[in-house]
């Protein structure tokens, strides 16, 4: 993987993770690095899921792919917060 790919994944992770946190009500008590990590994982899994569904490569903006990624990020942030609250 090239450095531009790594930087792109971090930027996408920040955006997806932040949007995932904004979707959830209330305050989430996880750090910025965890948000980025959840966002990167959600972006990768969301892209694979969108490709499997056949909605990843459309003309223009891939809104369905973005919605899948944001939904996965919200689920990831909620799961991480729950697991950290128990510990």
Foldseek 3Di string as FASTA:
>chain_A
DDPVVVVVLQVQLQVLLVLLLVVDPDDFPDDSVQSSVLLSVLLVVLLVVCVVVVQNDDPDDSVSSSVSSSPSSNVSSVVVSVVVVVD
